[in-house]
Amino acid sequence: VGVAVSLVGAMISETETSNAKGLGFSILSQVQTGNVADLWILLLLSSL
């Protein structure tokens, strides 16, 4: 449970710190640009 929650926490913290190399920031930027295909790829990658 801790591993799964820490992954989610790391992705959320990446969106707040604007770390352009992080997975969370990439997901947020794809949502803002409306690029659905890349968004699904990033979501599948994070679940993997």
ModelCIF file with pLDDT and N, C-alpha, C, O atoms, coordinates in Angstrom:
data_MODEL
#
_entry.id   MODEL 
#
_entity.id                         1 
_entity.type                       polymer 
_entity.pdbx_number_of_molecules   1 
#
_entity_poly.entity_id                      1 
_entity_poly.type                           'polypeptide(L)' 
_entity_poly.nstd_linkage                   no 
_entity_poly.nstd_monomer                   no 
_entity_poly.pdbx_seq_one_letter_code       VGVAVSLVGAMISETETSNAKGLGFSILSQVQTGNVADLWILLLLSSL 
_entity_poly.pdbx_seq_one_letter_code_can   VGVAVSLVGAMISETETSNAKGLGFSILSQVQTGNVADLWILLLLSSL 
_entity_poly.pdbx_strand_id                 A 
#
loop_
_entity_poly_seq.entity_id 
_entity_poly_seq.num 
_entity_poly_seq.mon_id 
_entity_poly_seq.hetero 
1 1  VAL n 
1 2  GLY n 
1 3  VAL n 
1 4  ALA n 
1 5  VAL n 
1 6  SER n 
1 7  LEU n 
1 8  VAL n 
1 9  GLY n 
1 10 ALA n 
1 11 MET n 
1 12 ILE n 
1 13 SER n 
1 14 GLU n 
1 15 THR n 
1 16 GLU n 
1 17 THR n 
1 18 SER n 
1 19 ASN n 
1 20 ALA n 
1 21 LYS n 
1 22 GLY n 
1 23 LEU n 
1 24 GLY n 
1 25 PHE n 
1 26 SER n 
1 27 ILE n 
1 28 LEU n 
1 29 SER n 
1 30 GLN n 
1 31 VAL n 
1 32 GLN n 
1 33 THR n 
1 34 GLY n 
1 35 ASN n 
1 36 VAL n 
1 37 ALA n 
1 38 ASP n 
1 39 LEU n 
1 40 TRP n 
1 41 ILE n 
1 42 LEU n 
1 43 LEU n 
1 44 LEU n 
1 45 LEU n 
1 46 SER n 
1 47 SER n 
1 48 LEU n 
#
_struct_asym.id          A 
_struct_asym.entity_id   1 
#
loop_
_ma_qa_metric.id 
_ma_qa_metric.mode 
_ma_qa_metric.name 
_ma_qa_metric.software_group_id 
_ma_qa_metric.type 
1 global pLDDT . pLDDT 
2 local  pLDDT . pLDDT 
#
_ma_qa_metric_global.metric_id      1 
_ma_qa_metric_global.metric_value   90.29 
_ma_qa_metric_global.model_id       1 
_ma_qa_metric_global.ordinal_id     1 
#
loop_
_ma_qa_metric_local.label_asym_id 
_ma_qa_metric_local.label_comp_id 
_ma_qa_metric_local.label_seq_id 
_ma_qa_metric_local.metric_id 
_ma_qa_metric_local.metric_value 
_ma_qa_metric_local.model_id 
_ma_qa_metric_local.ordinal_id 
A VAL 1  2 97.00 1 1  
A GLY 2  2 97.00 1 2  
A VAL 3  2 97.00 1 3  
A ALA 4  2 95.00 1 4  
A VAL 5  2 96.00 1 5  
A SER 6  2 96.00 1 6  
A LEU 7  2 94.00 1 7  
A VAL 8  2 93.00 1 8  
A GLY 9  2 93.00 1 9  
A ALA 10 2 91.00 1 10 
A MET 11 2 90.00 1 11 
A ILE 12 2 89.00 1 12 
A SER 13 2 88.00 1 13 
A GLU 14 2 86.00 1 14 
A THR 15 2 83.00 1 15 
A GLU 16 2 82.00 1 16 
A THR 17 2 80.00 1 17 
A SER 18 2 71.00 1 18 
A ASN 19 2 72.00 1 19 
A ALA 20 2 78.00 1 20 
A LYS 21 2 84.00 1 21 
A GLY 22 2 85.00 1 22 
A LEU 23 2 88.00 1 23 
A GLY 24 2 88.00 1 24 
A PHE 25 2 88.00 1 25 
A SER 26 2 90.00 1 26 
A ILE 27 2 90.00 1 27 
A LEU 28 2 88.00 1 28 
A SER 29 2 89.00 1 29 
A GLN 30 2 92.00 1 30 
A VAL 31 2 91.00 1 31 
A GLN 32 2 91.00 1 32 
A THR 33 2 92.00 1 33 
A GLY 34 2 92.00 1 34 
A ASN 35 2 90.00 1 35 
A VAL 36 2 93.00 1 36 
A ALA 37 2 94.00 1 37 
A ASP 38 2 93.00 1 38 
A LEU 39 2 93.00 1 39 
A TRP 40 2 95.00 1 40 
A ILE 41 2 95.00 1 41 
A LEU 42 2 93.00 1 42 
A LEU 43 2 94.00 1 43 
A LEU 44 2 96.00 1 44 
A LEU 45 2 95.00 1 45 
A SER 46 2 95.00 1 46 
A SER 47 2 95.00 1 47 
A LEU 48 2 97.00 1 48 
#
loop_
_atom_site.group_PDB 
_atom_site.id 
_atom_site.type_symbol 
_atom_site.label_atom_id 
_atom_site.label_alt_id 
_atom_site.label_comp_id 
_atom_site.label_asym_id 
_atom_site.label_entity_id 
_atom_site.label_seq_id 
_atom_site.pdbx_PDB_ins_code 
_atom_site.Cartn_x 
_atom_site.Cartn_y 
_atom_site.Cartn_z 
_atom_site.occupancy 
_atom_site.B_iso_or_equiv 
_atom_site.pdbx_formal_charge 
_atom_site.auth_seq_id 
_atom_site.auth_comp_id 
_atom_site.auth_asym_id 
_atom_site.auth_atom_id 
_atom_site.pdbx_PDB_model_num 
ATOM 1   N N  . VAL A 1 1  ? 0.843  -1.203 0.000   1.00 97.00 ? 1  VAL A N  1 
ATOM 2   C CA . VAL A 1 1  ? 0.000  0.000  0.000   1.00 97.00 ? 1  VAL A CA 1 
ATOM 3   C C  . VAL A 1 1  ? 0.873  1.247  0.000   1.00 97.00 ? 1  VAL A C  1 
ATOM 4   O O  . VAL A 1 1  ? 0.585  2.213  -0.707  1.00 97.00 ? 1  VAL A O  1 
ATOM 5   N N  . GLY A 1 2  ? 1.936  1.225  0.790   1.00 97.00 ? 2  GLY A N  1 
ATOM 6   C CA . GLY A 1 2  ? 2.836  2.374  0.871   1.00 97.00 ? 2  GLY A CA 1 
ATOM 7   C C  . GLY A 1 2  ? 3.528  2.681  -0.443  1.00 97.00 ? 2  GLY A C  1 
ATOM 8   O O  . GLY A 1 2  ? 3.716  3.848  -0.788  1.00 97.00 ? 2  GLY A O  1 
ATOM 9   N N  . VAL A 1 3  ? 3.909  1.643  -1.181  1.00 97.00 ? 3  VAL A N  1 
ATOM 10  C CA . VAL A 1 3  ? 4.561  1.857  -2.479  1.00 97.00 ? 3  VAL A CA 1 
ATOM 11  C C  . VAL A 1 3  ? 3.599  2.522  -3.451  1.00 97.00 ? 3  VAL A C  1 
ATOM 12  O O  . VAL A 1 3  ? 3.976  3.447  -4.170  1.00 97.00 ? 3  VAL A O  1 
ATOM 13  N N  . ALA A 1 4  ? 2.354  2.050  -3.472  1.00 95.00 ? 4  ALA A N  1 
ATOM 14  C CA . ALA A 1 4  ? 1.376  2.627  -4.395  1.00 95.00 ? 4  ALA A CA 1 
ATOM 15  C C  . ALA A 1 4  ? 1.048  4.070  -4.028  1.00 95.00 ? 4  ALA A C  1 
ATOM 16  O O  . ALA A 1 4  ? 0.938  4.927  -4.906  1.00 95.00 ? 4  ALA A O  1 
ATOM 17  N N  . VAL A 1 5  ? 0.892  4.337  -2.745  1.00 96.00 ? 5  VAL A N  1 
ATOM 18  C CA . VAL A 1 5  ? 0.565  5.694  -2.311  1.00 96.00 ? 5  VAL A CA 1 
ATOM 19  C C  . VAL A 1 5  ? 1.746  6.633  -2.528  1.00 96.00 ? 5  VAL A C  1 
ATOM 20  O O  . VAL A 1 5  ? 1.547  7.796  -2.877  1.00 96.00 ? 5  VAL A O  1 
ATOM 21  N N  . SER A 1 6  ? 2.951  6.158  -2.330  1.00 96.00 ? 6  SER A N  1 
ATOM 22  C CA . SER A 1 6  ? 4.114  7.020  -2.541  1.00 96.00 ? 6  SER A CA 1 
ATOM 23  C C  . SER A 1 6  ? 4.289  7.376  -4.014  1.00 96.00 ? 6  SER A C  1 
ATOM 24  O O  . SER A 1 6  ? 4.761  8.466  -4.335  1.00 96.00 ? 6  SER A O  1 
ATOM 25  N N  . LEU A 1 7  ? 3.915  6.470  -4.909  1.00 94.00 ? 7  LEU A N  1 
ATOM 26  C CA . LEU A 1 7  ? 3.967  6.784  -6.337  1.00 94.00 ? 7  LEU A CA 1 
ATOM 27  C C  . LEU A 1 7  ? 2.981  7.904  -6.672  1.00 94.00 ? 7  LEU A C  1 
ATOM 28  O O  . LEU A 1 7  ? 3.314  8.838  -7.402  1.00 94.00 ? 7  LEU A O  1 
ATOM 29  N N  . VAL A 1 8  ? 1.786  7.802  -6.139  1.00 93.00 ? 8  VAL A N  1 
ATOM 30  C CA . VAL A 1 8  ? 0.784  8.851  -6.370  1.00 93.00 ? 8  VAL A CA 1 
ATOM 31  C C  . VAL A 1 8  ? 1.254  10.162 -5.752  1.00 93.00 ? 8  VAL A C  1 
ATOM 32  O O  . VAL A 1 8  ? 1.111  11.221 -6.363  1.00 93.00 ? 8  VAL A O  1 
ATOM 33  N N  . GLY A 1 9  ? 1.812  10.102 -4.555  1.00 93.00 ? 9  GLY A N  1 
ATOM 34  C CA . GLY A 1 9  ? 2.319  11.313 -3.904  1.00 93.00 ? 9  GLY A CA 1 
ATOM 35  C C  . GLY A 1 9  ? 3.455  11.961 -4.673  1.00 93.00 ? 9  GLY A C  1 
ATOM 36  O O  . GLY A 1 9  ? 3.538  13.187 -4.756  1.00 93.00 ? 9  GLY A O  1 
ATOM 37  N N  . ALA A 1 10 ? 4.324  11.146 -5.233  1.00 91.00 ? 10 ALA A N  1 
ATOM 38  C CA . ALA A 1 10 ? 5.426  11.695 -6.026  1.00 91.00 ? 10 ALA A CA 1 
ATOM 39  C C  . ALA A 1 10 ? 4.904  12.382 -7.286  1.00 91.00 ? 10 ALA A C  1 
ATOM 40  O O  . ALA A 1 10 ? 5.405  13.436 -7.677  1.00 91.00 ? 10 ALA A O  1 
ATOM 41  N N  . MET A 1 11 ? 3.904  11.786 -7.913  1.00 90.00 ? 11 MET A N  1 
ATOM 42  C CA . MET A 1 11 ? 3.357  12.391 -9.127  1.00 90.00 ? 11 MET A CA 1 
ATOM 43  C C  . MET A 1 11 ? 2.621  13.690 -8.807  1.00 90.00 ? 11 MET A C  1 
ATOM 44  O O  . MET A 1 11 ? 2.691  14.642 -9.585  1.00 90.00 ? 11 MET A O  1 
ATOM 45  N N  . ILE A 1 12 ? 1.927  13.745 -7.692  1.00 89.00 ? 12 ILE A N  1 
ATOM 46  C CA . ILE A 1 12 ? 1.239  14.977 -7.305  1.00 89.00 ? 12 ILE A CA 1 
ATOM 47  C C  . ILE A 1 12 ? 2.237  16.064 -6.953  1.00 89.00 ? 12 ILE A C  1 
ATOM 48  O O  . ILE A 1 12 ? 2.045  17.224 -7.318  1.00 89.00 ? 12 ILE A O  1 
ATOM 49  N N  . SER A 1 13 ? 3.299  15.704 -6.248  1.00 88.00 ? 13 SER A N  1 
ATOM 50  C CA . SER A 1 13 ? 4.297  16.717 -5.897  1.00 88.00 ? 13 SER A CA 1 
ATOM 51  C C  . SER A 1 13 ? 5.024  17.243 -7.134  1.00 88.00 ? 13 SER A C  1 
ATOM 52  O O  . SER A 1 13 ? 5.459  18.394 -7.158  1.00 88.00 ? 13 SER A O  1 
ATOM 53  N N  . GLU A 1 14 ? 5.154  16.401 -8.160  1.00 86.00 ? 14 GLU A N  1 
ATOM 54  C CA . GLU A 1 14 ? 5.783  16.873 -9.398  1.00 86.00 ? 14 GLU A CA 1 
ATOM 55  C C  . GLU A 1 14 ? 4.916  17.918 -10.101 1.00 86.00 ? 14 GLU A C  1 
ATOM 56  O O  . GLU A 1 14 ? 5.442  18.824 -10.747 1.00 86.00 ? 14 GLU A O  1 
ATOM 57  N N  . THR A 1 15 ? 3.605  17.799 -9.980  1.00 83.00 ? 15 THR A N  1 
ATOM 58  C CA . THR A 1 15 ? 2.740  18.800 -10.616 1.00 83.00 ? 15 THR A CA 1 
ATOM 59  C C  . THR A 1 15 ? 2.848  20.145 -9.913  1.00 83.00 ? 15 THR A C  1 
ATOM 60  O O  . THR A 1 15 ? 2.740  21.189 -10.557 1.00 83.00 ? 15 THR A O  1 
ATOM 61  N N  . GLU A 1 16 ? 3.059  20.135 -8.603  1.00 82.00 ? 16 GLU A N  1 
ATOM 62  C CA . GLU A 1 16 ? 3.138  21.380 -7.850  1.00 82.00 ? 16 GLU A CA 1 
ATOM 63  C C  . GLU A 1 16 ? 4.498  22.057 -7.961  1.00 82.00 ? 16 GLU A C  1 
ATOM 64  O O  . GLU A 1 16 ? 4.580  23.283 -7.887  1.00 82.00 ? 16 GLU A O  1 
ATOM 65  N N  . THR A 1 17 ? 5.560  21.290 -8.136  1.00 80.00 ? 17 THR A N  1 
ATOM 66  C CA . THR A 1 17 ? 6.893  21.886 -8.181  1.00 80.00 ? 17 THR A CA 1 
ATOM 67  C C  . THR A 1 17 ? 7.317  22.270 -9.591  1.00 80.00 ? 17 THR A C  1 
ATOM 68  O O  . THR A 1 17 ? 8.382  22.858 -9.777  1.00 80.00 ? 17 THR A O  1 
ATOM 69  N N  . SER A 1 18 ? 6.508  21.949 -10.571 1.00 71.00 ? 18 SER A N  1 
ATOM 70  C CA . SER A 1 18 ? 6.809  22.243 -11.979 1.00 71.00 ? 18 SER A CA 1 
ATOM 71  C C  . SER A 1 18 ? 8.119  21.616 -12.421 1.00 71.00 ? 18 SER A C  1 
ATOM 72  O O  . SER A 1 18 ? 8.897  22.238 -13.145 1.00 71.00 ? 18 SER A O  1 
ATOM 73  N N  . ASN A 1 19 ? 8.361  20.404 -11.994 1.00 72.00 ? 19 ASN A N  1 
ATOM 74  C CA . ASN A 1 19 ? 9.526  19.650 -12.431 1.00 72.00 ? 19 ASN A CA 1 
ATOM 75  C C  . ASN A 1 19 ? 9.236  19.134 -13.839 1.00 72.00 ? 19 ASN A C  1 
ATOM 76  O O  . ASN A 1 19 ? 8.494  18.167 -14.005 1.00 72.00 ? 19 ASN A O  1 
ATOM 77  N N  . ALA A 1 20 ? 9.814  19.772 -14.845 1.00 78.00 ? 20 ALA A N  1 
ATOM 78  C CA . ALA A 1 20 ? 9.467  19.479 -16.235 1.00 78.00 ? 20 ALA A CA 1 
ATOM 79  C C  . ALA A 1 20 ? 9.882  18.073 -16.667 1.00 78.00 ? 20 ALA A C  1 
ATOM 80  O O  . ALA A 1 20 ? 9.424  17.599 -17.707 1.00 78.00 ? 20 ALA A O  1 
ATOM 81  N N  . LYS A 1 21 ? 10.727 17.401 -15.907 1.00 84.00 ? 21 LYS A N  1 
ATOM 82  C CA . LYS A 1 21 ? 11.156 16.060 -16.285 1.00 84.00 ? 21 LYS A CA 1 
ATOM 83  C C  . LYS A 1 21 ? 10.320 14.972 -15.620 1.00 84.00 ? 21 LYS A C  1 
ATOM 84  O O  . LYS A 1 21 ? 10.523 13.790 -15.899 1.00 84.00 ? 21 LYS A O  1 
ATOM 85  N N  . GLY A 1 22 ? 9.391  15.342 -14.752 1.00 85.00 ? 22 GLY A N  1 
ATOM 86  C CA . GLY A 1 22 ? 8.627  14.357 -14.008 1.00 85.00 ? 22 GLY A CA 1 
ATOM 87  C C  . GLY A 1 22 ? 7.405  13.861 -14.758 1.00 85.00 ? 22 GLY A C  1 
ATOM 88  O O  . GLY A 1 22 ? 6.903  14.520 -15.669 1.00 85.00 ? 22 GLY A O  1 
ATOM 89  N N  . LEU A 1 23 ? 6.942  12.703 -14.364 1.00 88.00 ? 23 LEU A N  1 
ATOM 90  C CA . LEU A 1 23 ? 5.779  12.086 -14.988 1.00 88.00 ? 23 LEU A CA 1 
ATOM 91  C C  . LEU A 1 23 ? 4.495  12.839 -14.641 1.00 88.00 ? 23 LEU A C  1 
ATOM 92  O O  . LEU A 1 23 ? 3.621  12.992 -15.495 1.00 88.00 ? 23 LEU A O  1 
ATOM 93  N N  . GLY A 1 24 ? 4.372  13.309 -13.404 1.00 88.00 ? 24 GLY A N  1 
ATOM 94  C CA . GLY A 1 24 ? 3.189  14.064 -13.001 1.00 88.00 ? 24 GLY A CA 1 
ATOM 95  C C  . GLY A 1 24 ? 3.058  15.368 -13.762 1.00 88.00 ? 24 GLY A C  1 
ATOM 96  O O  . GLY A 1 24 ? 1.959  15.742 -14.175 1.00 88.00 ? 24 GLY A O  1 
ATOM 97  N N  . PHE A 1 25 ? 4.171  16.066 -13.952 1.00 88.00 ? 25 PHE A N  1 
ATOM 98  C CA . PHE A 1 25 ? 4.132  17.321 -14.712 1.00 88.00 ? 25 PHE A CA 1 
ATOM 99  C C  . PHE A 1 25 ? 3.789  17.055 -16.176 1.00 88.00 ? 25 PHE A C  1 
ATOM 100 O O  . PHE A 1 25 ? 3.074  17.840 -16.799 1.00 88.00 ? 25 PHE A O  1 
ATOM 101 N N  . SER A 1 26 ? 4.288  15.965 -16.717 1.00 90.00 ? 26 SER A N  1 
ATOM 102 C CA . SER A 1 26 ? 3.972  15.621 -18.107 1.00 90.00 ? 26 SER A CA 1 
ATOM 103 C C  . SER A 1 26 ? 2.490  15.322 -18.272 1.00 90.00 ? 26 SER A C  1 
ATOM 104 O O  . SER A 1 26 ? 1.880  15.725 -19.263 1.00 90.00 ? 26 SER A O  1 
ATOM 105 N N  . ILE A 1 27 ? 1.909  14.619 -17.308 1.00 90.00 ? 27 ILE A N  1 
ATOM 106 C CA . ILE A 1 27 ? 0.470  14.341 -17.376 1.00 90.00 ? 27 ILE A CA 1 
ATOM 107 C C  . ILE A 1 27 ? -0.311 15.637 -17.305 1.00 90.00 ? 27 ILE A C  1 
ATOM 108 O O  . ILE A 1 27 ? -1.254 15.835 -18.072 1.00 90.00 ? 27 ILE A O  1 
ATOM 109 N N  . LEU A 1 28 ? 0.069  16.528 -16.387 1.00 88.00 ? 28 LEU A N  1 
ATOM 110 C CA . LEU A 1 28 ? -0.632 17.805 -16.255 1.00 88.00 ? 28 LEU A CA 1 
ATOM 111 C C  . LEU A 1 28 ? -0.508 18.644 -17.518 1.00 88.00 ? 28 LEU A C  1 
ATOM 112 O O  . LEU A 1 28 ? -1.482 19.272 -17.932 1.00 88.00 ? 28 LEU A O  1 
ATOM 113 N N  . SER A 1 29 ? 0.649  18.669 -18.131 1.00 89.00 ? 29 SER A N  1 
ATOM 114 C CA . SER A 1 29 ? 0.822  19.471 -19.344 1.00 89.00 ? 29 SER A CA 1 
ATOM 115 C C  . SER A 1 29 ? 0.033  18.883 -20.512 1.00 89.00 ? 29 SER A C  1 
ATOM 116 O O  . SER A 1 29 ? -0.458 19.632 -21.357 1.00 89.00 ? 29 SER A O  1 
ATOM 117 N N  . GLN A 1 30 ? -0.097 17.558 -20.577 1.00 92.00 ? 30 GLN A N  1 
ATOM 118 C CA . GLN A 1 30 ? -0.895 16.952 -21.646 1.00 92.00 ? 30 GLN A CA 1 
ATOM 119 C C  . GLN A 1 30 ? -2.385 17.220 -21.435 1.00 92.00 ? 30 GLN A C  1 
ATOM 120 O O  . GLN A 1 30 ? -3.135 17.365 -22.400 1.00 92.00 ? 30 GLN A O  1 
ATOM 121 N N  . VAL A 1 31 ? -2.809 17.286 -20.183 1.00 91.00 ? 31 VAL A N  1 
ATOM 122 C CA . VAL A 1 31 ? -4.206 17.638 -19.908 1.00 91.00 ? 31 VAL A CA 1 
ATOM 123 C C  . VAL A 1 31 ? -4.467 19.077 -20.326 1.00 91.00 ? 31 VAL A C  1 
ATOM 124 O O  . VAL A 1 31 ? -5.511 19.364 -20.911 1.00 91.00 ? 31 VAL A O  1 
ATOM 125 N N  . GLN A 1 32 ? -3.546 19.983 -20.039 1.00 91.00 ? 32 GLN A N  1 
ATOM 126 C CA . GLN A 1 32 ? -3.738 21.394 -20.362 1.00 91.00 ? 32 GLN A CA 1 
ATOM 127 C C  . GLN A 1 32 ? -3.710 21.640 -21.865 1.00 91.00 ? 32 GLN A C  1 
ATOM 128 O O  . GLN A 1 32 ? -4.414 22.523 -22.356 1.00 91.00 ? 32 GLN A O  1 
ATOM 129 N N  . THR A 1 33 ? -2.912 20.878 -22.599 1.00 92.00 ? 33 THR A N  1 
ATOM 130 C CA . THR A 1 33 ? -2.864 21.065 -24.045 1.00 92.00 ? 33 THR A CA 1 
ATOM 131 C C  . THR A 1 33 ? -3.942 20.279 -24.775 1.00 92.00 ? 33 THR A C  1 
ATOM 132 O O  . THR A 1 33 ? -4.194 20.523 -25.954 1.00 92.00 ? 33 THR A O  1 
ATOM 133 N N  . GLY A 1 34 ? -4.581 19.335 -24.085 1.00 92.00 ? 34 GLY A N  1 
ATOM 134 C CA . GLY A 1 34 ? -5.642 18.559 -24.708 1.00 92.00 ? 34 GLY A CA 1 
ATOM 135 C C  . GLY A 1 34 ? -5.148 17.417 -25.570 1.00 92.00 ? 34 GLY A C  1 
ATOM 136 O O  . GLY A 1 34 ? -5.885 16.935 -26.431 1.00 92.00 ? 34 GLY A O  1 
ATOM 137 N N  . ASN A 1 35 ? -3.931 16.977 -25.364 1.00 90.00 ? 35 ASN A N  1 
ATOM 138 C CA . ASN A 1 35 ? -3.362 15.886 -26.134 1.00 90.00 ? 35 ASN A CA 1 
ATOM 139 C C  . ASN A 1 35 ? -3.752 14.562 -25.465 1.00 90.00 ? 35 ASN A C  1 
ATOM 140 O O  . ASN A 1 35 ? -3.056 14.067 -24.578 1.00 90.00 ? 35 ASN A O  1 
ATOM 141 N N  . VAL A 1 36 ? -4.878 14.004 -25.912 1.00 93.00 ? 36 VAL A N  1 
ATOM 142 C CA . VAL A 1 36 ? -5.459 12.844 -25.241 1.00 93.00 ? 36 VAL A CA 1 
ATOM 143 C C  . VAL A 1 36 ? -4.628 11.583 -25.462 1.00 93.00 ? 36 VAL A C  1 
ATOM 144 O O  . VAL A 1 36 ? -4.497 10.771 -24.546 1.00 93.00 ? 36 VAL A O  1 
ATOM 145 N N  . ALA A 1 37 ? -4.075 11.404 -26.630 1.00 94.00 ? 37 ALA A N  1 
ATOM 146 C CA . ALA A 1 37 ? -3.305 10.187 -26.919 1.00 94.00 ? 37 ALA A CA 1 
ATOM 147 C C  . ALA A 1 37 ? -2.071 10.089 -26.025 1.00 94.00 ? 37 ALA A C  1 
ATOM 148 O O  . ALA A 1 37 ? -1.803 9.039  -25.443 1.00 94.00 ? 37 ALA A O  1 
ATOM 149 N N  . ASP A 1 38 ? -1.328 11.181 -25.919 1.00 93.00 ? 38 ASP A N  1 
ATOM 150 C CA . ASP A 1 38 ? -0.145 11.167 -25.048 1.00 93.00 ? 38 ASP A CA 1 
ATOM 151 C C  . ASP A 1 38 ? -0.540 11.049 -23.578 1.00 93.00 ? 38 ASP A C  1 
ATOM 152 O O  . ASP A 1 38 ? 0.184  10.448 -22.785 1.00 93.00 ? 38 ASP A O  1 
ATOM 153 N N  . LEU A 1 39 ? -1.680 11.617 -23.217 1.00 93.00 ? 39 LEU A N  1 
ATOM 154 C CA . LEU A 1 39 ? -2.165 11.517 -21.849 1.00 93.00 ? 39 LEU A CA 1 
ATOM 155 C C  . LEU A 1 39 ? -2.438 10.062 -21.475 1.00 93.00 ? 39 LEU A C  1 
ATOM 156 O O  . LEU A 1 39 ? -2.070 9.620  -20.386 1.00 93.00 ? 39 LEU A O  1 
ATOM 157 N N  . TRP A 1 40 ? -3.084 9.318  -22.374 1.00 95.00 ? 40 TRP A N  1 
ATOM 158 C CA . TRP A 1 40 ? -3.357 7.908  -22.105 1.00 95.00 ? 40 TRP A CA 1 
ATOM 159 C C  . TRP A 1 40 ? -2.068 7.101  -22.014 1.00 95.00 ? 40 TRP A C  1 
ATOM 160 O O  . TRP A 1 40 ? -1.959 6.191  -21.191 1.00 95.00 ? 40 TRP A O  1 
ATOM 161 N N  . ILE A 1 41 ? -1.111 7.424  -22.838 1.00 95.00 ? 41 ILE A N  1 
ATOM 162 C CA . ILE A 1 41 ? 0.181  6.730  -22.777 1.00 95.00 ? 41 ILE A CA 1 
ATOM 163 C C  . ILE A 1 41 ? 0.857  6.987  -21.431 1.00 95.00 ? 41 ILE A C  1 
ATOM 164 O O  . ILE A 1 41 ? 1.399  6.064  -20.823 1.00 95.00 ? 41 ILE A O  1 
ATOM 165 N N  . LEU A 1 42 ? 0.829  8.219  -20.969 1.00 93.00 ? 42 LEU A N  1 
ATOM 166 C CA . LEU A 1 42 ? 1.448  8.549  -19.681 1.00 93.00 ? 42 LEU A CA 1 
ATOM 167 C C  . LEU A 1 42 ? 0.703  7.895  -18.523 1.00 93.00 ? 42 LEU A C  1 
ATOM 168 O O  . LEU A 1 42 ? 1.327  7.438  -17.565 1.00 93.00 ? 42 LEU A O  1 
ATOM 169 N N  . LEU A 1 43 ? -0.622 7.848  -18.603 1.00 94.00 ? 43 LEU A N  1 
ATOM 170 C CA . LEU A 1 43 ? -1.392 7.184  -17.550 1.00 94.00 ? 43 LEU A CA 1 
ATOM 171 C C  . LEU A 1 43 ? -1.119 5.686  -17.522 1.00 94.00 ? 43 LEU A C  1 
ATOM 172 O O  . LEU A 1 43 ? -0.994 5.095  -16.449 1.00 94.00 ? 43 LEU A O  1 
ATOM 173 N N  . LEU A 1 44 ? -1.026 5.074  -18.689 1.00 96.00 ? 44 LEU A N  1 
ATOM 174 C CA . LEU A 1 44 ? -0.688 3.652  -18.740 1.00 96.00 ? 44 LEU A CA 1 
ATOM 175 C C  . LEU A 1 44 ? 0.729  3.395  -18.234 1.00 96.00 ? 44 LEU A C  1 
ATOM 176 O O  . LEU A 1 44 ? 0.985  2.393  -17.567 1.00 96.00 ? 44 LEU A O  1 
ATOM 177 N N  . LEU A 1 45 ? 1.640  4.298  -18.553 1.00 95.00 ? 45 LEU A N  1 
ATOM 178 C CA . LEU A 1 45 ? 3.010  4.170  -18.075 1.00 95.00 ? 45 LEU A CA 1 
ATOM 179 C C  . LEU A 1 45 ? 3.078  4.284  -16.553 1.00 95.00 ? 45 LEU A C  1 
ATOM 180 O O  . LEU A 1 45 ? 3.790  3.523  -15.899 1.00 95.00 ? 45 LEU A O  1 
ATOM 181 N N  . SER A 1 46 ? 2.337  5.233  -15.997 1.00 95.00 ? 46 SER A N  1 
ATOM 182 C CA . SER A 1 46 ? 2.349  5.383  -14.542 1.00 95.00 ? 46 SER A CA 1 
ATOM 183 C C  . SER A 1 46 ? 1.693  4.189  -13.854 1.00 95.00 ? 46 SER A C  1 
ATOM 184 O O  . SER A 1 46 ? 2.147  3.777  -12.786 1.00 95.00 ? 46 SER A O  1 
ATOM 185 N N  . SER A 1 47 ? 0.639  3.627  -14.438 1.00 95.00 ? 47 SER A N  1 
ATOM 186 C CA . SER A 1 47 ? 0.036  2.438  -13.841 1.00 95.00 ? 47 SER A CA 1 
ATOM 187 C C  . SER A 1 47 ? 0.972  1.242  -13.967 1.00 95.00 ? 47 SER A C  1 
ATOM 188 O O  . SER A 1 47 ? 1.014  0.400  -13.071 1.00 95.00 ? 47 SER A O  1 
ATOM 189 N N  . LEU A 1 48 ? 1.718  1.153  -15.056 1.00 97.00 ? 48 LEU A N  1 
ATOM 190 C CA . LEU A 1 48 ? 2.690  0.075  -15.219 1.00 97.00 ? 48 LEU A CA 1 
ATOM 191 C C  . LEU A 1 48 ? 3.812  0.185  -14.180 1.00 97.00 ? 48 LEU A C  1 
ATOM 192 O O  . LEU A 1 48 ? 4.723  -0.642 -14.166 1.00 97.00 ? 48 LEU A O  1 
#
